[in-house]
Amino acid sequence: PRGPVLAPICAKAGPLSPRHCKVVPPGIAKATAGIAFKVDLQCFDADDRKIYEGGARVRVRAVREDEGVDASQAASRGAEMTEGSVEDNNDGTYTITLSCSEGGDYKVA
């Protein structure tokens, strides 16, 4: 007779934590002004557990670094922002598409 099989089962991930999410592939080395680029965002919760389902409200914004404004605060300070589009892949990842009209260094949030 065989006994019970023990298998470790991880706790389900909690709500999305923006600070723990990661861009896949890591980082954006270079993009060309006026040409859209895509990256995937893999979401994690506050305990760094991977999220495997979609449905979160994800937005992306970019602001030129020389504006001296954090991307998340750009709208309230009147800085010019570039909004990107986000596609929910329903598996805890989101495809982000962004195109900046001018060259320069940008902060993305």
C-alpha atoms as a PDB file:
ATOM      1  CA  PRO A   1       0.000   0.000   0.000  1.00  0.00           C
ATOM      2  CA  ARG A   2       1.126   3.521  -0.796  1.00  0.00           C
ATOM      3  CA  GLY A   3       0.789   6.445   1.565  1.00  0.00           C
ATOM      4  CA  PRO A   4      -0.307   9.962   0.732  1.00  0.00           C
ATOM      5  CA  VAL A   5       1.853  11.995  -1.617  1.00  0.00           C
ATOM      6  CA  LEU A   6       3.006  15.298  -0.189  1.00  0.00           C
ATOM      7  CA  ALA A   7       3.426  18.198  -2.570  1.00  0.00           C
ATOM      8  CA  PRO A   8       4.311  21.786  -1.666  1.00  0.00           C
ATOM      9  CA  ILE A   9       1.563  24.184  -2.686  1.00  0.00           C
ATOM     10  CA  CYS A  10       2.354  27.886  -2.798  1.00  0.00           C
ATOM     11  CA  ALA A  11      -0.090  30.482  -1.546  1.00  0.00           C
ATOM     12  CA  LYS A  12      -1.999  32.355  -4.234  1.00  0.00           C
ATOM     13  CA  ALA A  13      -0.465  35.709  -5.096  1.00  0.00           C
ATOM     14  CA  GLY A  14      -2.031  38.836  -3.651  1.00  0.00           C
ATOM     15  CA  PRO A  15      -2.806  42.099  -5.459  1.00  0.00           C
ATOM     16  CA  LEU A  16      -0.335  43.468  -8.002  1.00  0.00           C
ATOM     17  CA  SER A  17       2.511  45.503  -6.511  1.00  0.00           C
ATOM     18  CA  PRO A  18       3.967  47.980  -9.053  1.00  0.00           C
ATOM     19  CA  ARG A  19       7.328  48.038  -7.232  1.00  0.00           C
ATOM     20  CA  HIS A  20       7.738  44.292  -7.703  1.00  0.00           C
ATOM     21  CA  CYS A  21       6.751  44.028 -11.377  1.00  0.00           C
ATOM     22  CA  LYS A  22       9.509  43.369 -13.909  1.00  0.00           C
ATOM     23  CA  VAL A  23      10.003  44.229 -17.575  1.00  0.00           C
ATOM     24  CA  VAL A  24      10.747  41.173 -19.723  1.00  0.00           C
ATOM     25  CA  PRO A  25      13.241  41.183 -21.370  1.00  0.00           C
ATOM     26  CA  PRO A  26      14.973  43.297 -18.729  1.00  0.00           C
ATOM     27  CA  GLY A  27      15.330  46.935 -19.619  1.00  0.00           C
ATOM     28  CA  ILE A  28      15.091  48.799 -22.855  1.00  0.00           C
ATOM     29  CA  ALA A  29      18.546  49.364 -24.300  1.00  0.00           C
ATOM     30  CA  LYS A  30      17.552  51.693 -27.116  1.00  0.00           C
ATOM     31  CA  ALA A  31      14.458  52.830 -28.937  1.00  0.00           C
ATOM     32  CA  THR A  32      14.060  55.145 -31.913  1.00  0.00           C
ATOM     33  CA  ALA A  33      11.943  58.301 -31.705  1.00  0.00           C
ATOM     34  CA  GLY A  34       8.669  57.911 -33.566  1.00  0.00           C
ATOM     35  CA  ILE A  35       8.887  54.112 -33.783  1.00  0.00           C
ATOM     36  CA  ALA A  36       6.809  52.111 -31.328  1.00  0.00           C
ATOM     37  CA  PHE A  37       8.524  49.478 -29.205  1.00  0.00           C
ATOM     38  CA  LYS A  38       7.013  46.683 -27.148  1.00  0.00           C
ATOM     39  CA  VAL A  39       7.997  45.033 -23.887  1.00  0.00           C
ATOM     40  CA  ASP A  40       6.194  42.645 -21.572  1.00  0.00           C
ATOM     41  CA  LEU A  41       5.538  43.409 -17.933  1.00  0.00           C
ATOM     42  CA  GLN A  42       5.456  40.388 -15.592  1.00  0.00           C
ATOM     43  CA  CYS A  43       3.453  41.182 -12.468  1.00  0.00           C
ATOM     44  CA  PHE A  44       4.228  40.162  -8.889  1.00  0.00           C
ATOM     45  CA  ASP A  45       2.578  40.816  -5.535  1.00  0.00           C
ATOM     46  CA  ALA A  46       4.124  42.582  -2.515  1.00  0.00           C
ATOM     47  CA  ASP A  47       5.678  39.282  -1.367  1.00  0.00           C
ATOM     48  CA  ASP A  48       7.318  38.862  -4.788  1.00  0.00           C
ATOM     49  CA  ARG A  49       4.982  36.002  -5.773  1.00  0.00           C
ATOM     50  CA  LYS A  50       4.352  35.757  -9.508  1.00  0.00           C
ATOM     51  CA  ILE A  51       0.808  36.603 -10.627  1.00  0.00           C
ATOM     52  CA  TYR A  52      -0.713  34.159 -13.127  1.00  0.00           C
ATOM     53  CA  GLU A  53      -3.973  35.915 -13.986  1.00  0.00           C
ATOM     54  CA  GLY A  54      -4.943  39.130 -15.736  1.00  0.00           C
ATOM     55  CA  GLY A  55      -7.490  41.786 -14.942  1.00  0.00           C
ATOM     56  CA  ALA A  56      -5.309  44.380 -13.208  1.00  0.00           C
ATOM     57  CA  ARG A  57      -5.536  48.036 -14.192  1.00  0.00           C
ATOM     58  CA  VAL A  58      -2.125  48.744 -15.763  1.00  0.00           C
ATOM     59  CA  ARG A  59      -1.155  52.051 -17.363  1.00  0.00           C
ATOM     60  CA  VAL A  60       2.126  53.318 -18.791  1.00  0.00           C
ATOM     61  CA  ARG A  61       3.380  56.892 -19.102  1.00  0.00           C
ATOM     62  CA  ALA A  62       6.708  58.381 -20.113  1.00  0.00           C
ATOM     63  CA  VAL A  63       8.125  61.852 -19.462  1.00  0.00           C
ATOM     64  CA  ARG A  64      11.391  63.301 -20.708  1.00  0.00           C
ATOM     65  CA  GLU A  65      14.003  63.114 -17.982  1.00  0.00           C
ATOM     66  CA  ASP A  66      15.146  66.701 -18.629  1.00  0.00           C
ATOM     67  CA  GLU A  67      11.679  67.935 -17.573  1.00  0.00           C
ATOM     68  CA  GLY A  68      12.841  67.293 -14.001  1.00  0.00           C
ATOM     69  CA  VAL A  69       9.544  65.607 -13.124  1.00  0.00           C
ATOM     70  CA  ASP A  70       8.848  62.041 -12.040  1.00  0.00           C
ATOM     71  CA  ALA A  71       6.680  60.264 -14.624  1.00  0.00           C
ATOM     72  CA  SER A  72       4.037  59.397 -12.031  1.00  0.00           C
ATOM     73  CA  GLN A  73       3.651  63.098 -11.102  1.00  0.00           C
ATOM     74  CA  ALA A  74       4.018  64.621 -14.574  1.00  0.00           C
ATOM     75  CA  ALA A  75       0.325  65.357 -15.181  1.00  0.00           C
ATOM     76  CA  SER A  76      -0.092  67.341 -11.974  1.00  0.00           C
ATOM     77  CA  ARG A  77       2.970  69.466 -12.759  1.00  0.00           C
ATOM     78  CA  GLY A  78       2.079  70.174 -16.395  1.00  0.00           C
ATOM     79  CA  ALA A  79       4.972  68.267 -17.968  1.00  0.00           C
ATOM     80  CA  GLU A  80       4.425  66.747 -21.399  1.00  0.00           C
ATOM     81  CA  MET A  81       3.671  63.048 -21.057  1.00  0.00           C
ATOM     82  CA  THR A  82       3.497  60.241 -23.567  1.00  0.00           C
ATOM     83  CA  GLU A  83       0.807  57.649 -22.865  1.00  0.00           C
ATOM     84  CA  GLY A  84       1.414  54.095 -24.002  1.00  0.00           C
ATOM     85  CA  SER A  85      -1.019  51.277 -24.642  1.00  0.00           C
ATOM     86  CA  VAL A  86      -1.319  48.145 -22.526  1.00  0.00           C
ATOM     87  CA  GLU A  87      -2.666  44.761 -23.608  1.00  0.00           C
ATOM     88  CA  ASP A  88      -3.715  42.271 -20.927  1.00  0.00           C
ATOM     89  CA  ASN A  89      -2.404  38.803 -21.841  1.00  0.00           C
ATOM     90  CA  ASN A  90      -4.630  37.254 -19.111  1.00  0.00           C
ATOM     91  CA  ASP A  91      -1.692  35.373 -17.576  1.00  0.00           C
ATOM     92  CA  GLY A  92      -0.146  37.977 -15.263  1.00  0.00           C
ATOM     93  CA  THR A  93       1.757  39.641 -18.110  1.00  0.00           C
ATOM     94  CA  TYR A  94       0.889  42.806 -19.983  1.00  0.00           C
ATOM     95  CA  THR A  95       2.297  43.869 -23.354  1.00  0.00           C
ATOM     96  CA  ILE A  96       3.258  47.539 -23.289  1.00  0.00           C
ATOM     97  CA  THR A  97       3.585  49.553 -26.494  1.00  0.00           C
ATOM     98  CA  LEU A  98       5.117  53.017 -26.335  1.00  0.00           C
ATOM     99  CA  SER A  99       6.358  55.539 -28.871  1.00  0.00           C
ATOM    100  CA  CYS A 100       8.024  58.835 -27.986  1.00  0.00           C
ATOM    101  CA  SER A 101       8.003  61.528 -30.670  1.00  0.00           C
ATOM    102  CA  GLU A 102      11.334  63.101 -29.714  1.00  0.00           C
ATOM    103  CA  GLY A 103      14.712  61.643 -28.790  1.00  0.00           C
ATOM    104  CA  GLY A 104      16.088  61.926 -25.289  1.00  0.00           C
ATOM    105  CA  ASP A 105      16.103  60.147 -21.955  1.00  0.00           C
ATOM    106  CA  TYR A 106      12.702  59.221 -20.570  1.00  0.00           C
ATOM    107  CA  LYS A 107      11.399  58.011 -17.233  1.00  0.00           C
ATOM    108  CA  VAL A 108       8.630  55.439 -17.564  1.00  0.00           C
ATOM    109  CA  ALA A 109       6.036  54.661 -14.895  1.00  0.00           C
END
